[in-house]
Amino acid sequence: MRLSTSLLLLMFLATPAVHAQADPAGEVALLQQRLQAIDADPETAGAAAYERLQARQALTALAGARSSQRASALQIAQWRVETAELAARTERGRRELVELERQRSQLLVEASRQDAVRARREAERLRIQAQIQAEEAARLRLAAEEAGAAREQAETVLQGVASGEAAKLRAARQREAELKRREAELLRSLEP
């Protein structure tokens, strides 16, 4: 691609030398070489078909021109070849632009796909994190419920023990009162 572009540029820069040449056959040959360079370049071979046809027709007209019309036919042929070169370069640039746009679109699609993968991974990580937090909250809630049940059971046991001890204390006091009453009765009965 660079070689053919350099060749075309060299040929294009050689165009002023064509004006200076006195050899009409050499002028025609140089223009034909420039046109063949467009045809030989694989990147421009199918491009600018209409402009290349016009350039070929202008070269044919130049080859058949009378000497009085030779200068204007040469000028027209040069313009047509230059137009074909410019059209071919323009078409190549358009194709490159289309290819770059296609590559850009592919890169955007790939970037979107990677963004979606990252988003899915992040969503999965957050889902797992939320699940772990929910399980931890459930475990803490269950532990709190178990601690509350154990506290209530301990309070119930303590109340039961306290009630039992209170009943024993009441029974002991009643027995003590009964014993005191009997002792008093015995003492009275012993008195003369």
Protein backbone atom coordinates (compact mmCIF):
# COMPACT_ATOMS: atom_id res chain seq x y z
CA MET A 1 0.00 0.00 0.00
CA ARG A 2 2.77 2.47 0.89
CA LEU A 3 4.80 1.49 -2.18
CA SER A 4 1.91 2.10 -4.56
CA THR A 5 1.04 5.36 -2.79
CA SER A 6 4.66 6.46 -3.08
CA LEU A 7 4.66 5.48 -6.74
CA LEU A 8 1.49 7.46 -7.36
CA LEU A 9 2.91 10.45 -5.52
CA LEU A 10 6.13 10.27 -7.52
CA MET A 11 4.13 10.08 -10.72
CA PHE A 12 1.93 12.97 -9.63
CA LEU A 13 4.97 15.09 -8.84
CA ALA A 14 6.43 14.18 -12.22
CA THR A 15 3.39 15.74 -13.94
CA PRO A 16 5.04 19.17 -14.39
CA ALA A 17 7.90 17.40 -16.14
CA VAL A 18 5.37 16.14 -18.70
CA HIS A 19 4.73 19.74 -19.75
CA ALA A 20 8.41 20.26 -20.30
CA GLN A 21 8.89 17.13 -22.39
CA ALA A 22 8.89 17.53 -26.11
CA ASP A 23 8.27 13.86 -26.77
CA PRO A 24 4.45 13.34 -27.14
CA ALA A 25 4.82 9.56 -27.12
CA GLY A 26 6.68 9.80 -23.79
CA GLU A 27 3.94 12.01 -22.39
CA VAL A 28 1.27 9.51 -23.36
CA ALA A 29 3.36 6.64 -21.96
CA LEU A 30 3.79 8.45 -18.63
CA LEU A 31 0.06 9.13 -18.33
CA GLN A 32 -0.68 5.50 -19.25
CA GLN A 33 1.76 4.34 -16.55
CA ARG A 34 0.01 6.48 -13.96
CA LEU A 35 -3.34 5.04 -15.00
CA GLN A 36 -1.92 1.50 -14.92
CA ALA A 37 -0.59 2.18 -11.42
CA ILE A 38 -4.18 2.79 -10.31
CA ASP A 39 -5.25 -0.48 -11.97
CA ALA A 40 -2.31 -2.40 -10.47
CA ASP A 41 -2.90 -1.23 -6.90
CA PRO A 42 -5.19 -3.85 -5.28
CA GLU A 43 -6.69 -1.18 -3.03
CA THR A 44 -7.73 1.05 -5.93
CA ALA A 45 -8.21 -1.48 -8.74
CA GLY A 46 -12.00 -1.52 -8.44
CA ALA A 47 -12.33 2.14 -7.53
CA ALA A 48 -13.14 5.14 -9.72
CA ALA A 49 -14.15 3.06 -12.73
CA TYR A 50 -15.88 5.97 -14.44
CA GLU A 51 -12.96 8.34 -13.93
CA ARG A 52 -10.49 5.71 -15.19
CA LEU A 53 -12.67 5.16 -18.26
CA GLN A 54 -12.67 8.90 -18.94
CA ALA A 55 -8.88 8.97 -18.52
CA ARG A 56 -8.47 6.07 -21.00
CA GLN A 57 -10.74 7.82 -23.47
CA ALA A 58 -8.74 11.03 -23.06
CA LEU A 59 -5.50 9.09 -23.67
CA THR A 60 -7.02 7.49 -26.76
CA ALA A 61 -8.10 10.92 -27.96
CA LEU A 62 -4.60 12.24 -27.25
CA ALA A 63 -3.02 9.45 -29.25
CA GLY A 64 -5.27 10.25 -32.22
CA ALA A 65 -5.15 14.05 -31.88
CA ARG A 66 -3.81 16.25 -34.66
CA SER A 67 -0.79 18.34 -33.83
CA SER A 68 -2.88 21.53 -33.54
CA GLN A 69 -5.13 19.88 -30.92
CA ARG A 70 -2.31 17.98 -29.22
CA ALA A 71 -1.69 20.53 -26.41
CA SER A 72 -5.31 20.77 -25.32
CA ALA A 73 -5.79 16.98 -25.64
CA LEU A 74 -2.66 16.50 -23.51
CA GLN A 75 -3.99 18.92 -20.89
CA ILE A 76 -7.38 17.13 -20.84
CA ALA A 77 -5.68 13.72 -20.58
CA GLN A 78 -3.53 14.96 -17.69
CA TRP A 79 -6.61 16.30 -15.89
CA ARG A 80 -8.51 13.06 -16.49
CA VAL A 81 -5.62 10.95 -15.14
CA GLU A 82 -5.24 13.24 -12.14
CA THR A 83 -9.00 13.04 -11.58
CA ALA A 84 -8.84 9.24 -11.75
CA GLU A 85 -5.95 9.22 -9.25
CA LEU A 86 -7.82 11.52 -6.89
CA ALA A 87 -11.04 9.52 -7.23
CA ALA A 88 -9.17 6.26 -6.57
CA ARG A 89 -7.47 7.74 -3.50
CA THR A 90 -10.81 9.12 -2.33
CA GLU A 91 -12.46 5.72 -2.78
CA ARG A 92 -9.59 4.02 -0.94
CA GLY A 93 -9.94 6.58 1.88
CA ARG A 94 -13.70 5.96 1.95
CA ARG A 95 -13.13 2.19 2.16
CA GLU A 96 -10.59 2.69 4.93
CA LEU A 97 -13.07 4.92 6.73
CA VAL A 98 -15.79 2.26 6.37
CA GLU A 99 -13.38 -0.37 7.68
CA LEU A 100 -12.38 1.85 10.59
CA GLU A 101 -16.06 2.48 11.37
CA ARG A 102 -16.69 -1.28 11.26
CA GLN A 103 -13.75 -1.88 13.60
CA ARG A 104 -14.96 0.91 15.86
CA SER A 105 -18.42 -0.66 15.97
CA GLN A 106 -16.90 -4.03 16.80
CA LEU A 107 -14.82 -2.45 19.55
CA LEU A 108 -17.89 -0.70 20.94
CA VAL A 109 -19.83 -3.98 20.90
CA GLU A 110 -16.94 -5.75 22.61
CA ALA A 111 -16.64 -2.97 25.19
CA SER A 112 -20.39 -3.16 25.83
CA ARG A 113 -20.16 -6.92 26.18
CA GLN A 114 -17.30 -6.59 28.65
CA ASP A 115 -19.24 -3.92 30.57
CA ALA A 116 -22.22 -6.27 30.72
CA VAL A 117 -19.99 -9.11 31.99
CA ARG A 118 -18.52 -6.80 34.64
CA ALA A 119 -22.01 -5.63 35.63
CA ARG A 120 -23.22 -9.24 35.91
CA ARG A 121 -20.20 -10.13 38.04
CA GLU A 122 -20.79 -7.11 40.27
CA ALA A 123 -24.50 -7.95 40.58
CA GLU A 124 -23.62 -11.54 41.49
CA ARG A 125 -21.07 -10.31 44.06
CA LEU A 126 -23.65 -7.96 45.58
CA ARG A 127 -26.29 -10.73 45.56
CA ILE A 128 -23.92 -13.08 47.40
CA GLN A 129 -22.98 -10.32 49.83
CA ALA A 130 -26.66 -9.58 50.51
CA GLN A 131 -27.35 -13.29 50.98
CA ILE A 132 -24.46 -13.56 53.46
CA GLN A 133 -25.75 -10.51 55.34
CA ALA A 134 -29.30 -11.94 55.38
CA GLU A 135 -27.99 -15.27 56.70
CA GLU A 136 -25.95 -13.45 59.37
CA ALA A 137 -28.99 -11.38 60.38
CA ALA A 138 -31.10 -14.55 60.59
CA ARG A 139 -28.40 -16.24 62.68
CA LEU A 140 -28.21 -13.24 65.03
CA ARG A 141 -32.02 -13.07 65.25
CA LEU A 142 -32.15 -16.80 66.10
CA ALA A 143 -29.39 -16.37 68.69
CA ALA A 144 -31.31 -13.43 70.22
CA GLU A 145 -34.51 -15.47 70.29
CA GLU A 146 -32.68 -18.38 71.92
CA ALA A 147 -31.11 -16.03 74.48
CA GLY A 148 -34.55 -14.52 75.19
CA ALA A 149 -36.08 -17.99 75.61
CA ALA A 150 -33.22 -19.03 77.92
CA ARG A 151 -33.69 -15.84 79.98
CA GLU A 152 -37.43 -16.46 80.24
CA GLN A 153 -36.77 -20.06 81.25
CA ALA A 154 -34.25 -18.93 83.86
CA GLU A 155 -36.74 -16.38 85.20
CA THR A 156 -39.41 -19.07 85.34
CA VAL A 157 -37.04 -21.40 87.17
CA LEU A 158 -36.06 -18.61 89.54
CA GLN A 159 -39.70 -17.76 90.13
CA GLY A 160 -40.41 -21.44 90.71
CA VAL A 161 -37.48 -21.72 93.13
CA ALA A 162 -38.51 -18.50 94.84
CA SER A 163 -42.10 -19.71 95.10
CA GLY A 164 -40.92 -23.06 96.49
CA GLU A 165 -38.63 -21.38 99.00
CA ALA A 166 -41.37 -18.97 100.00
CA ALA A 167 -43.75 -21.90 100.52
CA LYS A 168 -41.12 -23.70 102.57
CA LEU A 169 -40.53 -20.55 104.60
CA ARG A 170 -44.28 -20.14 105.20
CA ALA A 171 -44.55 -23.79 106.18
CA ALA A 172 -41.58 -23.44 108.53
CA ARG A 173 -43.09 -20.33 110.12
CA GLN A 174 -46.41 -22.06 110.50
CA ARG A 175 -44.67 -25.00 112.09
CA GLU A 176 -42.72 -22.71 114.34
CA ALA A 177 -45.94 -20.96 115.37
CA GLU A 178 -47.56 -24.32 115.97
CA LEU A 179 -44.62 -25.46 118.06
CA LYS A 180 -44.70 -22.25 120.10
CA ARG A 181 -48.38 -22.67 120.69
CA ARG A 182 -47.86 -26.27 121.86
CA GLU A 183 -45.00 -25.25 124.03
CA ALA A 184 -47.16 -22.61 125.62
CA GLU A 185 -49.91 -25.14 126.17
CA LEU A 186 -47.46 -27.55 127.73
CA LEU A 187 -46.14 -24.88 130.01
CA ARG A 188 -49.57 -23.97 131.14
CA SER A 189 -50.48 -27.51 131.74
CA LEU A 190 -47.36 -27.91 133.89
CA GLU A 191 -48.14 -25.02 136.08
CA PRO A 192 -49.75 -25.97 139.32
